[in-house]
PDB file of N, CA and C in Angstrom:
ATOM      1  N   UNK A   1      15.202  17.526 -31.237  1.00  0.00           N
ATOM      2  CA  UNK A   1      14.351  17.902 -30.124  1.00  0.00           C
ATOM      3  C   UNK A   1      13.316  18.890 -30.626  1.00  0.00           C
ATOM      4  N   UNK A   2      12.096  18.719 -30.198  1.00  0.00           N
ATOM      5  CA  UNK A   2      11.027  19.630 -30.612  1.00  0.00           C
ATOM      6  C   UNK A   2      10.898  20.764 -29.626  1.00  0.00           C
ATOM      7  N   UNK A   3      10.207  21.781 -30.030  1.00  0.00           N
ATOM      8  CA  UNK A   3      10.025  22.942 -29.159  1.00  0.00           C
ATOM      9  C   UNK A   3       9.292  22.574 -27.888  1.00  0.00           C
ATOM     10  N   UNK A   4       8.374  21.613 -27.940  1.00  0.00           N
ATOM     11  CA  UNK A   4       7.613  21.255 -26.749  1.00  0.00           C
ATOM     12  C   UNK A   4       8.492  20.619 -25.679  1.00  0.00           C
ATOM     13  N   UNK A   5       9.662  20.142 -26.062  1.00  0.00           N
ATOM     14  CA  UNK A   5      10.569  19.528 -25.100  1.00  0.00           C
ATOM     15  C   UNK A   5      11.711  20.447 -24.698  1.00  0.00           C
ATOM     16  N   UNK A   6      11.721  21.654 -25.189  1.00  0.00           N
ATOM     17  CA  UNK A   6      12.831  22.559 -24.935  1.00  0.00           C
ATOM     18  C   UNK A   6      13.053  22.802 -23.449  1.00  0.00           C
ATOM     19  N   UNK A   7      12.004  22.851 -22.649  1.00  0.00           N
ATOM     20  CA  UNK A   7      12.142  23.102 -21.223  1.00  0.00           C
ATOM     21  C   UNK A   7      12.592  21.889 -20.438  1.00  0.00           C
ATOM     22  N   UNK A   8      12.613  20.719 -21.065  1.00  0.00           N
ATOM     23  CA  UNK A   8      12.989  19.486 -20.378  1.00  0.00           C
ATOM     24  C   UNK A   8      14.049  18.742 -21.169  1.00  0.00           C
ATOM     25  N   UNK A   9      15.174  19.412 -21.426  1.00  0.00           N
ATOM     26  CA  UNK A   9      16.228  18.835 -22.248  1.00  0.00           C
ATOM     27  C   UNK A   9      16.795  17.552 -21.640  1.00  0.00           C
ATOM     28  N   UNK A  10      16.819  17.446 -20.319  1.00  0.00           N
ATOM     29  CA  UNK A  10      17.369  16.271 -19.651  1.00  0.00           C
ATOM     30  C   UNK A  10      16.327  15.190 -19.400  1.00  0.00           C
ATOM     31  N   UNK A  11      15.114  15.426 -19.808  1.00  0.00           N
ATOM     32  CA  UNK A  11      14.028  14.501 -19.545  1.00  0.00           C
ATOM     33  C   UNK A  11      14.148  13.254 -20.405  1.00  0.00           C
ATOM     34  N   UNK A  12      13.940  12.104 -19.799  1.00  0.00           N
ATOM     35  CA  UNK A  12      13.919  10.828 -20.499  1.00  0.00           C
ATOM     36  C   UNK A  12      12.481  10.480 -20.832  1.00  0.00           C
ATOM     37  N   UNK A  13      12.261   9.538 -21.746  1.00  0.00           N
ATOM     38  CA  UNK A  13      10.885   9.122 -22.026  1.00  0.00           C
ATOM     39  C   UNK A  13      10.218   8.575 -20.766  1.00  0.00           C
ATOM     40  N   UNK A  14       8.900   8.731 -20.679  1.00  0.00           N
ATOM     41  CA  UNK A  14       8.150   8.227 -19.531  1.00  0.00           C
ATOM     42  C   UNK A  14       8.322   6.712 -19.456  1.00  0.00           C
ATOM     43  N   UNK A  15       8.658   6.179 -18.274  1.00  0.00           N
ATOM     44  CA  UNK A  15       8.849   4.729 -18.158  1.00  0.00           C
ATOM     45  C   UNK A  15       7.523   3.980 -18.223  1.00  0.00           C
ATOM     46  N   UNK A  16       7.606   2.730 -18.635  1.00  0.00           N
ATOM     47  CA  UNK A  16       6.433   1.867 -18.580  1.00  0.00           C
ATOM     48  C   UNK A  16       6.097   1.634 -17.115  1.00  0.00           C
ATOM     49  N   UNK A  17       4.851   1.304 -16.845  1.00  0.00           N
ATOM     50  CA  UNK A  17       4.421   1.058 -15.469  1.00  0.00           C
ATOM     51  C   UNK A  17       4.644  -0.414 -15.134  1.00  0.00           C
ATOM     52  N   UNK A  18       5.923  -0.806 -15.166  1.00  0.00           N
ATOM     53  CA  UNK A  18       6.313  -2.173 -14.843  1.00  0.00           C
ATOM     54  C   UNK A  18       7.437  -2.129 -13.824  1.00  0.00           C
ATOM     55  N   UNK A  19       7.566  -3.168 -12.996  1.00  0.00           N
ATOM     56  CA  UNK A  19       8.649  -3.168 -12.009  1.00  0.00           C
ATOM     57  C   UNK A  19      10.033  -2.995 -12.638  1.00  0.00           C
ATOM     58  N   UNK A  20      10.301  -3.656 -13.760  1.00  0.00           N
ATOM     59  CA  UNK A  20      11.623  -3.564 -14.389  1.00  0.00           C
ATOM     60  C   UNK A  20      11.898  -2.166 -14.933  1.00  0.00           C
ATOM     61  N   UNK A  21      10.908  -1.544 -15.574  1.00  0.00           N
ATOM     62  CA  UNK A  21      11.097  -0.204 -16.118  1.00  0.00           C
ATOM     63  C   UNK A  21      11.297   0.817 -15.004  1.00  0.00           C
ATOM     64  N   UNK A  22      10.546   0.675 -13.941  1.00  0.00           N
ATOM     65  CA  UNK A  22      10.678   1.581 -12.799  1.00  0.00           C
ATOM     66  C   UNK A  22      12.061   1.440 -12.189  1.00  0.00           C
ATOM     67  N   UNK A  23      12.507   0.205 -12.003  1.00  0.00           N
ATOM     68  CA  UNK A  23      13.826  -0.029 -11.408  1.00  0.00           C
ATOM     69  C   UNK A  23      14.934   0.543 -12.286  1.00  0.00           C
ATOM     70  N   UNK A  24      14.794   0.416 -13.602  1.00  0.00           N
ATOM     71  CA  UNK A  24      15.812   0.944 -14.514  1.00  0.00           C
ATOM     72  C   UNK A  24      15.951   2.461 -14.377  1.00  0.00           C
ATOM     73  N   UNK A  25      14.831   3.155 -14.279  1.00  0.00           N
ATOM     74  CA  UNK A  25      14.871   4.611 -14.114  1.00  0.00           C
ATOM     75  C   UNK A  25      15.511   4.968 -12.777  1.00  0.00           C
ATOM     76  N   UNK A  26      15.096   4.287 -11.723  1.00  0.00           N
ATOM     77  CA  UNK A  26      15.655   4.579 -10.399  1.00  0.00           C
ATOM     78  C   UNK A  26      17.139   4.262 -10.344  1.00  0.00           C
ATOM     79  N   UNK A  27      17.553   3.144 -10.925  1.00  0.00           N
ATOM     80  CA  UNK A  27      18.972   2.759 -10.912  1.00  0.00           C
ATOM     81  C   UNK A  27      19.821   3.788 -11.656  1.00  0.00           C
ATOM     82  N   UNK A  28      19.278   4.363 -12.705  1.00  0.00           N
ATOM     83  CA  UNK A  28      20.028   5.332 -13.494  1.00  0.00           C
ATOM     84  C   UNK A  28      20.054   6.728 -12.884  1.00  0.00           C
ATOM     85  N   UNK A  29      19.045   7.071 -12.074  1.00  0.00           N
ATOM     86  CA  UNK A  29      18.902   8.464 -11.645  1.00  0.00           C
ATOM     87  C   UNK A  29      18.830   8.693 -10.143  1.00  0.00           C
ATOM     88  N   UNK A  30      18.309   7.761  -9.391  1.00  0.00           N
ATOM     89  CA  UNK A  30      18.087   7.978  -7.957  1.00  0.00           C
ATOM     90  C   UNK A  30      19.319   7.575  -7.161  1.00  0.00           C
ATOM     91  N   UNK A  31      19.337   7.983  -5.914  1.00  0.00           N
ATOM     92  CA  UNK A  31      20.447   7.585  -5.056  1.00  0.00           C
ATOM     93  C   UNK A  31      20.224   6.152  -4.563  1.00  0.00           C
ATOM     94  N   UNK A  32      21.275   5.508  -4.056  1.00  0.00           N
ATOM     95  CA  UNK A  32      21.168   4.096  -3.655  1.00  0.00           C
ATOM     96  C   UNK A  32      20.098   3.830  -2.592  1.00  0.00           C
ATOM     97  N   UNK A  33      19.856   4.777  -1.708  1.00  0.00           N
ATOM     98  CA  UNK A  33      18.852   4.579  -0.671  1.00  0.00           C
ATOM     99  C   UNK A  33      17.453   4.464  -1.273  1.00  0.00           C
ATOM    100  N   UNK A  34      17.160   5.262  -2.277  1.00  0.00           N
ATOM    101  CA  UNK A  34      15.854   5.206  -2.944  1.00  0.00           C
ATOM    102  C   UNK A  34      15.699   3.860  -3.647  1.00  0.00           C
ATOM    103  N   UNK A  35      16.743   3.428  -4.337  1.00  0.00           N
ATOM    104  CA  UNK A  35      16.690   2.150  -5.039  1.00  0.00           C
ATOM    105  C   UNK A  35      16.502   0.996  -4.052  1.00  0.00           C
ATOM    106  N   UNK A  36      17.184   1.051  -2.922  1.00  0.00           N
ATOM    107  CA  UNK A  36      17.037   0.008  -1.908  1.00  0.00           C
ATOM    108  C   UNK A  36      15.621   0.002  -1.338  1.00  0.00           C
ATOM    109  N   UNK A  37      15.067   1.184  -1.105  1.00  0.00           N
ATOM    110  CA  UNK A  37      13.693   1.270  -0.593  1.00  0.00           C
ATOM    111  C   UNK A  37      12.707   0.683  -1.603  1.00  0.00           C
ATOM    112  N   UNK A  38      12.919   0.983  -2.887  1.00  0.00           N
ATOM    113  CA  UNK A  38      12.059   0.414  -3.937  1.00  0.00           C
ATOM    114  C   UNK A  38      12.146  -1.107  -3.933  1.00  0.00           C
ATOM    115  N   UNK A  39      13.364  -1.623  -3.939  1.00  0.00           N
ATOM    116  CA  UNK A  39      13.549  -3.079  -3.951  1.00  0.00           C
ATOM    117  C   UNK A  39      12.878  -3.736  -2.750  1.00  0.00           C
ATOM    118  N   UNK A  40      13.044  -3.139  -1.583  1.00  0.00           N
ATOM    119  CA  UNK A  40      12.452  -3.700  -0.365  1.00  0.00           C
ATOM    120  C   UNK A  40      10.925  -3.675  -0.414  1.00  0.00           C
ATOM    121  N   UNK A  41      10.355  -2.543  -0.831  1.00  0.00           N
ATOM    122  CA  UNK A  41       8.901  -2.439  -0.900  1.00  0.00           C
ATOM    123  C   UNK A  41       8.324  -3.365  -1.967  1.00  0.00           C
ATOM    124  N   UNK A  42       9.020  -3.486  -3.092  1.00  0.00           N
ATOM    125  CA  UNK A  42       8.536  -4.376  -4.143  1.00  0.00           C
ATOM    126  C   UNK A  42       8.603  -5.830  -3.688  1.00  0.00           C
ATOM    127  N   UNK A  43       9.708  -6.211  -3.031  1.00  0.00           N
ATOM    128  CA  UNK A  43       9.816  -7.576  -2.505  1.00  0.00           C
ATOM    129  C   UNK A  43       8.698  -7.876  -1.513  1.00  0.00           C
ATOM    130  N   UNK A  44       8.431  -6.928  -0.621  1.00  0.00           N
ATOM    131  CA  UNK A  44       7.366  -7.121   0.369  1.00  0.00           C
ATOM    132  C   UNK A  44       6.004  -7.234  -0.309  1.00  0.00           C
ATOM    133  N   UNK A  45       5.769  -6.430  -1.347  1.00  0.00           N
ATOM    134  CA  UNK A  45       4.493  -6.485  -2.054  1.00  0.00           C
ATOM    135  C   UNK A  45       4.338  -7.815  -2.794  1.00  0.00           C
ATOM    136  N   UNK A  46       5.416  -8.314  -3.403  1.00  0.00           N
ATOM    137  CA  UNK A  46       5.370  -9.626  -4.060  1.00  0.00           C
ATOM    138  C   UNK A  46       5.051 -10.720  -3.044  1.00  0.00           C
ATOM    139  N   UNK A  47       5.724 -10.661  -1.906  1.00  0.00           N
ATOM    140  CA  UNK A  47       5.502 -11.673  -0.868  1.00  0.00           C
ATOM    141  C   UNK A  47       4.064 -11.620  -0.347  1.00  0.00           C
ATOM    142  N   UNK A  48       3.567 -10.411  -0.127  1.00  0.00           N
ATOM    143  CA  UNK A  48       2.187 -10.232   0.331  1.00  0.00           C
ATOM    144  C   UNK A  48       1.209 -10.810  -0.693  1.00  0.00           C
ATOM    145  N   UNK A  49       1.443 -10.515  -1.966  1.00  0.00           N
ATOM    146  CA  UNK A  49       0.565 -11.037  -3.025  1.00  0.00           C
ATOM    147  C   UNK A  49       0.618 -12.563  -3.066  1.00  0.00           C
ATOM    148  N   UNK A  50       1.785 -13.123  -2.912  1.00  0.00           N
ATOM    149  CA  UNK A  50       1.944 -14.580  -2.937  1.00  0.00           C
ATOM    150  C   UNK A  50       1.232 -15.221  -1.747  1.00  0.00           C
ATOM    151  N   UNK A  51       1.398 -14.636  -0.573  1.00  0.00           N
ATOM    152  CA  UNK A  51       0.792 -15.205   0.639  1.00  0.00           C
ATOM    153  C   UNK A  51      -0.732 -15.139   0.616  1.00  0.00           C
ATOM    154  N   UNK A  52      -1.274 -14.040   0.117  1.00  0.00           N
ATOM    155  CA  UNK A  52      -2.719 -13.816   0.190  1.00  0.00           C
ATOM    156  C   UNK A  52      -3.449 -14.060  -1.123  1.00  0.00           C
ATOM    157  N   UNK A  53      -2.715 -14.337  -2.186  1.00  0.00           N
ATOM    158  CA  UNK A  53      -3.361 -14.573  -3.471  1.00  0.00           C
ATOM    159  C   UNK A  53      -4.098 -13.358  -4.004  1.00  0.00           C
ATOM    160  N   UNK A  54      -3.620 -12.158  -3.646  1.00  0.00           N
ATOM    161  CA  UNK A  54      -4.264 -10.915  -4.056  1.00  0.00           C
ATOM    162  C   UNK A  54      -3.192  -9.982  -4.612  1.00  0.00           C
ATOM    163  N   UNK A  55      -3.335  -9.582  -5.850  1.00  0.00           N
ATOM    164  CA  UNK A  55      -2.339  -8.727  -6.492  1.00  0.00           C
ATOM    165  C   UNK A  55      -2.499  -7.243  -6.164  1.00  0.00           C
ATOM    166  N   UNK A  56      -3.546  -6.875  -5.466  1.00  0.00           N
ATOM    167  CA  UNK A  56      -3.814  -5.465  -5.199  1.00  0.00           C
ATOM    168  C   UNK A  56      -2.626  -4.741  -4.548  1.00  0.00           C
ATOM    169  N   UNK A  57      -2.016  -5.277  -3.474  1.00  0.00           N
ATOM    170  CA  UNK A  57      -0.880  -4.562  -2.886  1.00  0.00           C
ATOM    171  C   UNK A  57       0.294  -4.409  -3.855  1.00  0.00           C
ATOM    172  N   UNK A  58       0.492  -5.401  -4.694  1.00  0.00           N
ATOM    173  CA  UNK A  58       1.574  -5.329  -5.674  1.00  0.00           C
ATOM    174  C   UNK A  58       1.296  -4.243  -6.706  1.00  0.00           C
ATOM    175  N   UNK A  59       0.095  -4.213  -7.224  1.00  0.00           N
ATOM    176  CA  UNK A  59      -0.281  -3.202  -8.218  1.00  0.00           C
ATOM    177  C   UNK A  59      -0.174  -1.808  -7.609  1.00  0.00           C
ATOM    178  N   UNK A  60      -0.641  -1.644  -6.379  1.00  0.00           N
ATOM    179  CA  UNK A  60      -0.564  -0.340  -5.716  1.00  0.00           C
ATOM    180  C   UNK A  60       0.886   0.103  -5.519  1.00  0.00           C
ATOM    181  N   UNK A  61       1.739  -0.822  -5.142  1.00  0.00           N
ATOM    182  CA  UNK A  61       3.155  -0.495  -4.946  1.00  0.00           C
ATOM    183  C   UNK A  61       3.795  -0.075  -6.260  1.00  0.00           C
ATOM    184  N   UNK A  62       3.533  -0.827  -7.323  1.00  0.00           N
ATOM    185  CA  UNK A  62       4.106  -0.489  -8.629  1.00  0.00           C
ATOM    186  C   UNK A  62       3.601   0.870  -9.097  1.00  0.00           C
ATOM    187  N   UNK A  63       2.323   1.134  -8.964  1.00  0.00           N
ATOM    188  CA  UNK A  63       1.774   2.433  -9.385  1.00  0.00           C
ATOM    189  C   UNK A  63       2.382   3.582  -8.597  1.00  0.00           C
ATOM    190  N   UNK A  64       2.484   3.395  -7.288  1.00  0.00           N
ATOM    191  CA  UNK A  64       3.059   4.467  -6.455  1.00  0.00           C
ATOM    192  C   UNK A  64       4.491   4.762  -6.873  1.00  0.00           C
ATOM    193  N   UNK A  65       5.280   3.724  -7.097  1.00  0.00           N
ATOM    194  CA  UNK A  65       6.674   3.911  -7.490  1.00  0.00           C
ATOM    195  C   UNK A  65       6.792   4.404  -8.926  1.00  0.00           C
ATOM    196  N   UNK A  66       5.806   4.111  -9.769  1.00  0.00           N
ATOM    197  CA  UNK A  66       5.853   4.620 -11.136  1.00  0.00           C
ATOM    198  C   UNK A  66       5.851   6.147 -11.121  1.00  0.00           C
ATOM    199  N   UNK A  67       5.044   6.734 -10.253  1.00  0.00           N
ATOM    200  CA  UNK A  67       5.017   8.192 -10.161  1.00  0.00           C
ATOM    201  C   UNK A  67       6.377   8.727  -9.722  1.00  0.00           C
ATOM    202  N   UNK A  68       7.014   8.056  -8.788  1.00  0.00           N
ATOM    203  CA  UNK A  68       8.329   8.504  -8.346  1.00  0.00           C
ATOM    204  C   UNK A  68       9.357   8.340  -9.460  1.00  0.00           C
ATOM    205  N   UNK A  69       9.319   7.207 -10.166  1.00  0.00           N
ATOM    206  CA  UNK A  69      10.256   6.995 -11.275  1.00  0.00           C
ATOM    207  C   UNK A  69      10.034   8.044 -12.364  1.00  0.00           C
ATOM    208  N   UNK A  70       8.787   8.377 -12.615  1.00  0.00           N
ATOM    209  CA  UNK A  70       8.484   9.398 -13.608  1.00  0.00           C
ATOM    210  C   UNK A  70       9.116  10.726 -13.211  1.00  0.00           C
ATOM    211  N   UNK A  71       9.083  11.045 -11.941  1.00  0.00           N
ATOM    212  CA  UNK A  71       9.689  12.288 -11.469  1.00  0.00           C
ATOM    213  C   UNK A  71      11.215  12.224 -11.558  1.00  0.00           C
ATOM    214  N   UNK A  72      11.808  11.067 -11.279  1.00  0.00           N
ATOM    215  CA  UNK A  72      13.267  10.936 -11.300  1.00  0.00           C
ATOM    216  C   UNK A  72      13.853  11.039 -12.705  1.00  0.00           C
ATOM    217  N   UNK A  73      13.069  10.823 -13.742  1.00  0.00           N
ATOM    218  CA  UNK A  73      13.623  10.861 -15.097  1.00  0.00           C
ATOM    219  C   UNK A  73      13.962  12.278 -15.532  1.00  0.00           C
ATOM    220  N   UNK A  74      13.501  13.280 -14.796  1.00  0.00           N
ATOM    221  CA  UNK A  74      13.776  14.679 -15.111  1.00  0.00           C
ATOM    222  C   UNK A  74      14.195  15.370 -13.810  1.00  0.00           C
ATOM    223  N   UNK A  75      15.475  15.757 -13.680  1.00  0.00           N
ATOM    224  CA  UNK A  75      15.956  16.342 -12.416  1.00  0.00           C
ATOM    225  C   UNK A  75      15.159  17.558 -11.941  1.00  0.00           C
ATOM    226  N   UNK A  76      14.753  18.425 -12.856  1.00  0.00           N
ATOM    227  CA  UNK A  76      13.972  19.605 -12.450  1.00  0.00           C
ATOM    228  C   UNK A  76      12.620  19.196 -11.891  1.00  0.00           C
ATOM    229  N   UNK A  77      11.970  18.250 -12.556  1.00  0.00           N
ATOM    230  CA  UNK A  77      10.683  17.767 -12.064  1.00  0.00           C
ATOM    231  C   UNK A  77      10.848  17.038 -10.742  1.00  0.00           C
ATOM    232  N   UNK A  78      11.950  16.336 -10.548  1.00  0.00           N
ATOM    233  CA  UNK A  78      12.193  15.639  -9.284  1.00  0.00           C
ATOM    234  C   UNK A  78      12.315  16.645  -8.143  1.00  0.00           C
ATOM    235  N   UNK A  79      13.030  17.737  -8.387  1.00  0.00           N
ATOM    236  CA  UNK A  79      13.143  18.776  -7.354  1.00  0.00           C
ATOM    237  C   UNK A  79      11.770  19.352  -7.026  1.00  0.00           C
ATOM    238  N   UNK A  80      10.945  19.583  -8.058  1.00  0.00           N
ATOM    239  CA  UNK A  80       9.583  20.078  -7.832  1.00  0.00           C
ATOM    240  C   UNK A  80       8.764  19.074  -7.021  1.00  0.00           C
ATOM    241  N   UNK A  81       8.897  17.805  -7.359  1.00  0.00           N
ATOM    242  CA  UNK A  81       8.181  16.738  -6.654  1.00  0.00           C
ATOM    243  C   UNK A  81       8.583  16.713  -5.178  1.00  0.00           C
ATOM    244  N   UNK A  82       9.873  16.729  -4.896  1.00  0.00           N
ATOM    245  CA  UNK A  82      10.345  16.685  -3.512  1.00  0.00           C
ATOM    246  C   UNK A  82       9.913  17.928  -2.737  1.00  0.00           C
ATOM    247  N   UNK A  83       9.934  19.087  -3.380  1.00  0.00           N
ATOM    248  CA  UNK A  83       9.480  20.316  -2.718  1.00  0.00           C
ATOM    249  C   UNK A  83       7.986  20.231  -2.400  1.00  0.00           C
ATOM    250  N   UNK A  84       7.206  19.673  -3.325  1.00  0.00           N
ATOM    251  CA  UNK A  84       5.762  19.524  -3.099  1.00  0.00           C
ATOM    252  C   UNK A  84       5.497  18.565  -1.943  1.00  0.00           C
ATOM    253  N   UNK A  85       6.216  17.457  -1.893  1.00  0.00           N
ATOM    254  CA  UNK A  85       6.053  16.499  -0.797  1.00  0.00           C
ATOM    255  C   UNK A  85       6.416  17.146   0.532  1.00  0.00           C
ATOM    256  N   UNK A  86       7.524  17.876   0.554  1.00  0.00           N
ATOM    257  CA  UNK A  86       7.929  18.551   1.797  1.00  0.00           C
ATOM    258  C   UNK A  86       6.866  19.555   2.239  1.00  0.00           C
ATOM    259  N   UNK A  87       6.298  20.284   1.291  1.00  0.00           N
ATOM    260  CA  UNK A  87       5.234  21.242   1.619  1.00  0.00           C
ATOM    261  C   UNK A  87       4.027  20.513   2.203  1.00  0.00           C
ATOM    262  N   UNK A  88       3.636  19.383   1.591  1.00  0.00           N
ATOM    263  CA  UNK A  88       2.504  18.611   2.101  1.00  0.00           C
ATOM    264  C   UNK A  88       2.782  18.107   3.512  1.00  0.00           C
ATOM    265  N   UNK A  89       4.014  17.699   3.771  1.00  0.00           N
ATOM    266  CA  UNK A  89       4.356  17.207   5.109  1.00  0.00           C
ATOM    267  C   UNK A  89       4.320  18.329   6.133  1.00  0.00           C
ATOM    268  N   UNK A  90       4.729  19.519   5.733  1.00  0.00           N
ATOM    269  CA  UNK A  90       4.770  20.650   6.662  1.00  0.00           C
ATOM    270  C   UNK A  90       3.418  21.340   6.823  1.00  0.00           C
ATOM    271  N   UNK A  91       2.660  21.448   5.721  1.00  0.00           N
ATOM    272  CA  UNK A  91       1.428  22.232   5.731  1.00  0.00           C
ATOM    273  C   UNK A  91       0.167  21.408   5.528  1.00  0.00           C
ATOM    274  N   UNK A  92       0.326  20.140   5.197  1.00  0.00           N
ATOM    275  CA  UNK A  92      -0.826  19.302   4.885  1.00  0.00           C
ATOM    276  C   UNK A  92      -1.112  19.331   3.396  1.00  0.00           C
ATOM    277  N   UNK A  93      -2.015  18.461   2.959  1.00  0.00           N
ATOM    278  CA  UNK A  93      -2.322  18.402   1.526  1.00  0.00           C
ATOM    279  C   UNK A  93      -3.097  19.631   1.068  1.00  0.00           C
ATOM    280  N   UNK A  94      -3.149  19.845  -0.242  1.00  0.00           N
ATOM    281  CA  UNK A  94      -3.919  20.982  -0.755  1.00  0.00           C
ATOM    282  C   UNK A  94      -5.405  20.771  -0.491  1.00  0.00           C
ATOM    283  N   UNK A  95      -6.187  21.849  -0.560  1.00  0.00           N
ATOM    284  CA  UNK A  95      -7.632  21.696  -0.360  1.00  0.00           C
ATOM    285  C   UNK A  95      -8.219  20.802  -1.458  1.00  0.00           C
ATOM    286  N   UNK A  96      -9.336  20.147  -1.172  1.00  0.00           N
ATOM    287  CA  UNK A  96      -9.933  19.206  -2.134  1.00  0.00           C
ATOM    288  C   UNK A  96     -10.132  19.774  -3.530  1.00  0.00           C
ATOM    289  N   UNK A  97     -10.480  21.031  -3.637  1.00  0.00           N
ATOM    290  CA  UNK A  97     -10.732  21.613  -4.962  1.00  0.00           C
ATOM    291  C   UNK A  97      -9.460  21.756  -5.801  1.00  0.00           C
ATOM    292  N   UNK A  98      -8.287  21.656  -5.171  1.00  0.00           N
ATOM    293  CA  UNK A  98      -7.014  21.754  -5.895  1.00  0.00           C
ATOM    294  C   UNK A  98      -6.355  20.401  -6.131  1.00  0.00           C
ATOM    295  N   UNK A  99      -7.020  19.318  -5.750  1.00  0.00           N
ATOM    296  CA  UNK A  99      -6.451  17.986  -5.918  1.00  0.00           C
ATOM    297  C   UNK A  99      -6.911  17.369  -7.236  1.00  0.00           C
ATOM    298  N   UNK A 100      -6.101  16.456  -7.753  1.00  0.00           N
ATOM    299  CA  UNK A 100      -6.492  15.707  -8.950  1.00  0.00           C
ATOM    300  C   UNK A 100      -7.225  14.449  -8.505  1.00  0.00           C
ATOM    301  N   UNK A 101      -8.286  14.120  -9.213  1.00  0.00           N
ATOM    302  CA  UNK A 101      -9.002  12.881  -8.928  1.00  0.00           C
ATOM    303  C   UNK A 101      -8.254  11.715  -9.568  1.00  0.00           C
ATOM    304  N   UNK A 102      -8.581  10.504  -9.166  1.00  0.00           N
ATOM    305  CA  UNK A 102      -7.977   9.325  -9.791  1.00  0.00           C
ATOM    306  C   UNK A 102      -8.260   9.304 -11.290  1.00  0.00           C
ATOM    307  N   UNK A 103      -9.450   9.707 -11.677  1.00  0.00           N
ATOM    308  CA  UNK A 103      -9.817   9.725 -13.094  1.00  0.00           C
ATOM    309  C   UNK A 103      -8.952  10.710 -13.863  1.00  0.00           C
ATOM    310  N   UNK A 104      -8.685  11.875 -13.278  1.00  0.00           N
ATOM    311  CA  UNK A 104      -7.820  12.859 -13.931  1.00  0.00           C
ATOM    312  C   UNK A 104      -6.392  12.329 -14.064  1.00  0.00           C
ATOM    313  N   UNK A 105      -5.915  11.642 -13.035  1.00  0.00           N
ATOM    314  CA  UNK A 105      -4.575  11.061 -13.082  1.00  0.00           C
ATOM    315  C   UNK A 105      -4.507  10.010 -14.178  1.00  0.00           C
ATOM    316  N   UNK A 106      -5.515   9.143 -14.222  1.00  0.00           N
ATOM    317  CA  UNK A 106      -5.550   8.102 -15.262  1.00  0.00           C
ATOM    318  C   UNK A 106      -5.574   8.727 -16.658  1.00  0.00           C
ATOM    319  N   UNK A 107      -6.380   9.763 -16.834  1.00  0.00           N
ATOM    320  CA  UNK A 107      -6.484  10.402 -18.138  1.00  0.00           C
ATOM    321  C   UNK A 107      -5.168  11.069 -18.541  1.00  0.00           C
ATOM    322  N   UNK A 108      -4.519  11.716 -17.594  1.00  0.00           N
ATOM    323  CA  UNK A 108      -3.282  12.441 -17.903  1.00  0.00           C
ATOM    324  C   UNK A 108      -2.084  11.526 -18.051  1.00  0.00           C
ATOM    325  N   UNK A 109      -1.980  10.493 -17.187  1.00  0.00           N
ATOM    326  CA  UNK A 109      -0.774   9.658 -17.158  1.00  0.00           C
ATOM    327  C   UNK A 109      -0.985   8.254 -17.716  1.00  0.00           C
ATOM    328  N   UNK A 110      -2.222   7.898 -17.998  1.00  0.00           N
ATOM    329  CA  UNK A 110      -2.472   6.588 -18.568  1.00  0.00           C
ATOM    330  C   UNK A 110      -2.246   5.438 -17.614  1.00  0.00           C
ATOM    331  N   UNK A 111      -2.349   5.703 -16.342  1.00  0.00           N
ATOM    332  CA  UNK A 111      -2.137   4.662 -15.328  1.00  0.00           C
ATOM    333  C   UNK A 111      -3.453   4.339 -14.674  1.00  0.00           C
TER     334      UNK A 111
END
């Protein structure tokens, strides 16, 4: 282990942004309700893509769940993620100047 990983000893490698990789992380770390929600949303997105011939909903679903799977691979980061979501639900999102743009997210996470 390198010094840069010392604070995240339980952290797993970042999952690929694929349905199978996301499911593997969730199956290993999340509770059954989260895994069931993922399976249901992914099934619905596949069906929507098949019916309409448009992959956009499927890609959006996979990307959204990739962020959650990324958080689940490290228990400390998952707790931070859930606390941030709860804060957003209670207080609203951060002001625009404190938000990350899509370009910043792509640059940082490669998605």
